[in-house]
Amino acid sequence: MELNSNISAIITGGASGLGEATARALASQGVKVGIFDLNEEKGNAVAKELDGAFAKVNVTSEEEVDAGFEKVRAAIGQERILVNCAGTGNAIKTASRDKETGAISHFPLDKFDLIIQINLVGTFRCVAKSAAGMMTLDPIDGERGAIINTASVAAEDGQIGQAAYSASKGGVVGMTLPIARDLSRELIRVNTILPGIFDTPLLQGAPEKVKQALGAQVPNPARLGNPNEYASLAVQMISNSYFNGEDVRLDGAIRMAPR
């Protein structure tokens, strides 16, 4: 897909981190950018800077997602690109014992379900609704659209406490190929990026020493990933019309040992 001012894109989680970097990368190619995010102040600021559009959207809400697509499409047109970066995580063991009292507790199921609803169901909700919109468009150079989802290396290599996060991201990986096949006759491509440890708002509260220690675990380069590196891969997946149905690690070859 040739990126230019005739193309519109929507980025979920586009107000910060991987999403913001991707929005900026696409805008630099002339693409009209729409942002979905919960952070209204930052989302509006980024959208204004990029001459784009913003909608406050919680991806777990059918009503907010529908309203978001309607608002952004009215401003920049039907998107041919969707990049799903909205997501979060938690760290809770499946069952654990309190070190001081010995009390036993299990993973609160509402917190497990919340991660699934945001990372997996929310991603699919946006994919399905965006794809339906793309199907109304005429193909350009043999394609109607391109969708990028965000999983994680935890989809394949989850650590202690990451049961919910790994399950949600594993689901994103698992649905990549069937969705790509579902949409193949409609000329819409679907790919997924599995980032490793990136310097994003998820690590915002971590001390610098912790960030350095995490980065040192990466074989090469031995540092945290830069959101611009994610954005670069996303742009390549969108631009390369033969890139379809792929799940690609972006992790500096990290394979984390259990802690």
Protein backbone atom coordinates (compact mmCIF):
# COMPACT_ATOMS: atom_id res chain seq x y z
CA MET A 1 0.00 0.00 0.00
CA GLU A 2 1.36 3.38 -0.98
CA LEU A 3 1.17 5.77 1.95
CA ASN A 4 0.00 9.26 1.06
CA SER A 5 -2.68 11.85 1.80
CA ASN A 6 -5.34 9.73 0.10
CA ILE A 7 -5.06 7.14 2.89
CA SER A 8 -6.66 7.32 6.35
CA ALA A 9 -5.62 5.35 9.42
CA ILE A 10 -6.98 4.72 12.91
CA ILE A 11 -4.62 3.85 15.75
CA THR A 12 -6.06 2.56 19.01
CA GLY A 13 -3.99 3.55 22.03
CA GLY A 14 -2.60 6.25 19.77
CA ALA A 15 -1.99 8.91 22.43
CA SER A 16 1.21 7.39 23.82
CA GLY A 17 3.85 4.69 23.49
CA LEU A 18 3.73 2.36 20.50
CA GLY A 19 0.50 3.87 19.23
CA GLU A 20 1.72 7.45 19.30
CA ALA A 21 4.94 6.50 17.52
CA THR A 22 2.94 4.73 14.83
CA ALA A 23 0.56 7.66 14.42
CA ARG A 24 3.52 9.99 13.96
CA ALA A 25 5.23 7.65 11.50
CA LEU A 26 2.12 7.36 9.34
CA ALA A 27 1.43 11.08 9.49
CA SER A 28 4.99 11.75 8.31
CA GLN A 29 4.06 9.86 5.13
CA GLY A 30 1.04 12.12 4.60
CA VAL A 31 -1.53 9.65 5.97
CA LYS A 32 -4.58 11.18 7.67
CA VAL A 33 -4.52 9.87 11.22
CA GLY A 34 -7.31 9.17 13.69
CA ILE A 35 -6.59 8.29 17.33
CA PHE A 36 -8.63 6.24 19.79
CA ASP A 37 -7.51 6.55 23.41
CA LEU A 38 -8.78 7.00 26.96
CA ASN A 39 -6.44 9.93 27.60
CA GLU A 40 -8.51 12.79 26.22
CA GLU A 41 -5.98 15.55 26.89
CA LYS A 42 -3.01 13.77 25.32
CA GLY A 43 -5.08 12.28 22.51
CA ASN A 44 -6.44 15.65 21.46
CA ALA A 45 -2.96 17.19 21.63
CA VAL A 46 -1.37 14.51 19.43
CA ALA A 47 -4.24 14.59 16.96
CA LYS A 48 -4.08 18.38 16.71
CA GLU A 49 -0.32 18.30 16.15
CA LEU A 50 -0.74 15.73 13.36
CA ASP A 51 -3.76 17.52 11.85
CA GLY A 52 -5.79 14.41 12.59
CA ALA A 53 -8.83 13.43 14.62
CA PHE A 54 -9.35 12.08 18.13
CA ALA A 55 -12.10 10.09 19.82
CA LYS A 56 -12.16 9.06 23.46
CA VAL A 57 -12.71 5.31 23.25
CA ASN A 58 -12.68 2.43 25.70
CA VAL A 59 -12.22 -0.62 23.45
CA THR A 60 -14.26 -2.77 25.86
CA SER A 61 -17.35 -0.66 25.08
CA GLU A 62 -19.33 -1.49 21.94
CA GLU A 63 -21.02 1.91 22.06
CA GLU A 64 -17.78 3.88 22.45
CA VAL A 65 -16.05 1.97 19.65
CA ASP A 66 -18.99 2.55 17.30
CA ALA A 67 -19.11 6.24 18.22
CA GLY A 68 -15.35 6.54 17.79
CA PHE A 69 -15.38 5.11 14.28
CA GLU A 70 -18.29 7.35 13.34
CA LYS A 71 -16.57 10.48 14.67
CA VAL A 72 -13.16 9.84 13.17
CA ARG A 73 -14.49 8.69 9.80
CA ALA A 74 -16.56 11.86 9.57
CA ALA A 75 -13.36 13.87 10.05
CA ILE A 76 -10.79 11.99 7.92
CA GLY A 77 -12.77 9.47 5.88
CA GLN A 78 -13.04 5.68 5.95
CA GLU A 79 -9.76 4.20 7.16
CA ARG A 80 -7.72 1.80 5.03
CA ILE A 81 -5.33 1.19 7.94
CA LEU A 82 -6.04 0.04 11.49
CA VAL A 83 -3.25 -0.37 14.06
CA ASN A 84 -4.35 -1.81 17.40
CA CYS A 85 -2.06 -0.68 20.22
CA ALA A 86 -4.61 -0.28 23.01
CA GLY A 87 -3.81 -2.71 25.80
CA THR A 88 -2.66 -3.24 29.35
CA GLY A 89 -1.49 -5.93 31.74
CA ASN A 90 -1.22 -7.03 35.34
CA ALA A 91 1.01 -9.34 37.39
CA ILE A 92 -0.83 -11.75 39.66
CA LYS A 93 -0.02 -15.40 40.32
CA THR A 94 -2.65 -18.02 39.54
CA ALA A 95 -2.65 -18.94 43.23
CA SER A 96 -0.26 -17.75 45.90
CA ARG A 97 0.56 -17.85 49.57
CA ASP A 98 1.12 -14.70 51.65
CA LYS A 99 4.72 -14.70 52.86
CA GLU A 100 3.81 -13.27 56.26
CA THR A 101 0.45 -14.82 57.12
CA GLY A 102 0.49 -17.94 54.96
CA ALA A 103 -2.98 -17.07 53.68
CA ILE A 104 -3.78 -18.61 50.29
CA SER A 105 -5.51 -16.66 47.56
CA HIS A 106 -6.19 -17.13 43.85
CA PHE A 107 -6.13 -14.82 40.85
CA PRO A 108 -9.24 -12.58 41.08
CA LEU A 109 -11.27 -13.68 38.09
CA ASP A 110 -12.66 -10.21 37.43
CA LYS A 111 -9.09 -8.95 36.93
CA PHE A 112 -8.35 -11.87 34.61
CA ASP A 113 -11.46 -11.13 32.58
CA LEU A 114 -10.64 -7.41 32.35
CA ILE A 115 -7.30 -8.12 30.64
CA ILE A 116 -8.99 -10.49 28.20
CA GLN A 117 -11.70 -7.91 27.46
CA ILE A 118 -9.19 -5.13 26.75
CA ASN A 119 -6.37 -6.93 24.98
CA LEU A 120 -8.20 -9.67 23.11
CA VAL A 121 -11.90 -8.87 22.76
CA GLY A 122 -11.19 -5.15 22.38
CA THR A 123 -8.70 -5.86 19.61
CA PHE A 124 -11.12 -8.14 17.77
CA ARG A 125 -13.97 -5.65 18.20
CA CYS A 126 -11.97 -2.94 16.46
CA VAL A 127 -10.72 -5.33 13.77
CA ALA A 128 -14.19 -6.56 12.88
CA LYS A 129 -15.73 -3.10 12.72
CA SER A 130 -12.83 -1.58 10.82
CA ALA A 131 -12.77 -4.43 8.31
CA ALA A 132 -16.50 -4.00 7.66
CA GLY A 133 -15.84 -0.35 6.89
CA MET A 134 -12.89 -1.15 4.63
CA MET A 135 -15.11 -3.49 2.62
CA THR A 136 -17.12 -0.47 1.42
CA LEU A 137 -14.04 0.94 -0.32
CA ASP A 138 -12.84 0.32 -3.85
CA PRO A 139 -9.46 -1.45 -4.01
CA ILE A 140 -6.34 0.57 -4.72
CA ASP A 141 -3.57 -1.40 -6.44
CA GLY A 142 -5.30 -4.64 -5.50
CA GLU A 143 -6.01 -4.01 -1.83
CA ARG A 144 -8.63 -2.38 0.35
CA GLY A 145 -6.83 -2.21 3.66
CA ALA A 146 -4.24 -3.39 6.14
CA ILE A 147 -4.62 -4.20 9.83
CA ILE A 148 -1.83 -4.48 12.41
CA ASN A 149 -2.47 -5.98 15.85
CA THR A 150 -0.18 -5.87 18.86
CA ALA A 151 0.55 -9.00 20.86
CA SER A 152 3.67 -9.56 22.99
CA VAL A 153 6.54 -12.01 23.38
CA ALA A 154 4.55 -13.04 26.48
CA ALA A 155 2.15 -14.73 24.07
CA GLU A 156 4.82 -17.42 23.65
CA ASP A 157 7.08 -16.86 26.65
CA GLY A 158 4.97 -15.66 29.56
CA GLN A 159 6.56 -15.07 32.93
CA ILE A 160 5.39 -15.63 36.49
CA GLY A 161 2.22 -13.62 37.14
CA GLN A 162 1.45 -13.16 33.45
CA ALA A 163 -1.31 -15.74 33.02
CA ALA A 164 -3.97 -13.20 32.02
CA TYR A 165 -1.62 -11.09 29.91
CA SER A 166 -0.17 -14.12 28.12
CA ALA A 167 -3.61 -15.59 27.52
CA SER A 168 -4.85 -12.32 26.01
CA LYS A 169 -1.82 -11.85 23.78
CA GLY A 170 -1.75 -15.52 22.84
CA GLY A 171 -5.31 -15.06 21.63
CA VAL A 172 -4.25 -12.13 19.45
CA VAL A 173 -1.55 -14.30 17.88
CA GLY A 174 -3.94 -17.21 17.46
CA MET A 175 -6.53 -15.19 15.56
CA THR A 176 -4.10 -13.50 13.14
CA LEU A 177 -4.09 -16.18 10.46
CA PRO A 178 -7.81 -17.04 10.51
CA ILE A 179 -8.73 -13.35 10.30
CA ALA A 180 -6.28 -12.87 7.43
CA ARG A 181 -7.94 -15.79 5.68
CA ASP A 182 -11.45 -14.49 6.48
CA LEU A 183 -10.61 -11.15 4.87
CA SER A 184 -8.44 -12.40 2.02
CA ARG A 185 -11.15 -12.25 -0.64
CA GLU A 186 -11.95 -8.71 0.47
CA LEU A 187 -8.29 -7.74 -0.16
CA ILE A 188 -7.61 -6.79 3.47
CA ARG A 189 -4.33 -7.91 5.04
CA VAL A 190 -3.81 -8.72 8.75
CA ASN A 191 -0.51 -9.02 10.64
CA THR A 192 0.58 -9.00 14.28
CA ILE A 193 3.69 -7.63 16.01
CA LEU A 194 4.99 -9.29 19.18
CA PRO A 195 7.07 -6.62 20.97
CA GLY A 196 9.58 -7.52 23.65
CA ILE A 197 10.43 -5.13 26.48
CA PHE A 198 9.76 -1.63 25.18
CA ASP A 199 10.14 1.74 26.84
CA THR A 200 6.43 2.60 26.98
CA PRO A 201 4.02 3.99 29.59
CA LEU A 202 3.63 0.46 30.99
CA LEU A 203 7.12 0.98 32.47
CA GLN A 204 6.50 4.61 33.38
CA GLY A 205 6.61 4.04 37.13
CA ALA A 206 9.66 1.80 37.08
CA PRO A 207 12.93 3.20 38.50
CA GLU A 208 15.70 3.82 35.98
CA LYS A 209 17.78 1.01 37.52
CA VAL A 210 14.94 -1.43 36.87
CA LYS A 211 14.66 -0.29 33.25
CA GLN A 212 18.40 -0.72 32.79
CA ALA A 213 18.26 -4.20 34.30
CA LEU A 214 15.41 -5.18 31.99
CA GLY A 215 17.26 -3.83 28.97
CA ALA A 216 20.41 -5.71 29.94
CA GLN A 217 18.49 -9.01 29.59
CA VAL A 218 18.05 -8.41 25.86
CA PRO A 219 20.80 -10.22 23.88
CA ASN A 220 21.26 -7.65 21.11
CA PRO A 221 20.82 -4.73 21.30
CA ALA A 222 21.00 -4.88 25.09
CA ARG A 223 18.44 -2.18 25.81
CA LEU A 224 14.73 -1.51 25.91
CA GLY A 225 12.95 -1.26 22.60
CA ASN A 226 12.14 2.17 21.21
CA PRO A 227 8.52 2.81 20.15
CA ASN A 228 9.84 4.20 16.86
CA GLU A 229 11.20 0.73 16.10
CA TYR A 230 7.73 -0.74 16.50
CA ALA A 231 6.33 2.01 14.28
CA SER A 232 8.94 1.29 11.61
CA LEU A 233 7.92 -2.37 11.45
CA ALA A 234 4.22 -1.47 11.39
CA VAL A 235 4.79 0.88 8.45
CA GLN A 236 6.73 -1.83 6.61
CA MET A 237 3.93 -4.36 7.18
CA ILE A 238 1.43 -1.87 5.80
CA SER A 239 3.56 -0.81 2.83
CA ASN A 240 4.62 -4.31 1.75
CA SER A 241 1.56 -5.75 -0.01
CA TYR A 242 2.83 -9.35 0.25
CA PHE A 243 3.03 -9.20 4.04
CA ASN A 244 -0.04 -11.07 5.29
CA GLY A 245 -1.06 -13.47 8.05
CA GLU A 246 2.24 -13.09 9.92
CA ASP A 247 3.10 -12.92 13.63
CA VAL A 248 6.49 -11.24 13.98
CA ARG A 249 8.63 -10.93 17.11
CA LEU A 250 10.34 -7.60 17.70
CA ASP A 251 12.34 -8.38 20.83
CA GLY A 252 16.11 -8.27 20.30
CA ALA A 253 16.17 -12.11 20.51
CA ILE A 254 15.14 -12.15 24.15
CA ARG A 255 14.03 -15.48 25.62
CA MET A 256 13.44 -14.73 29.27
CA ALA A 257 14.29 -17.24 31.96
CA PRO A 258 11.60 -17.74 34.65
CA ARG A 259 12.01 -15.52 37.71
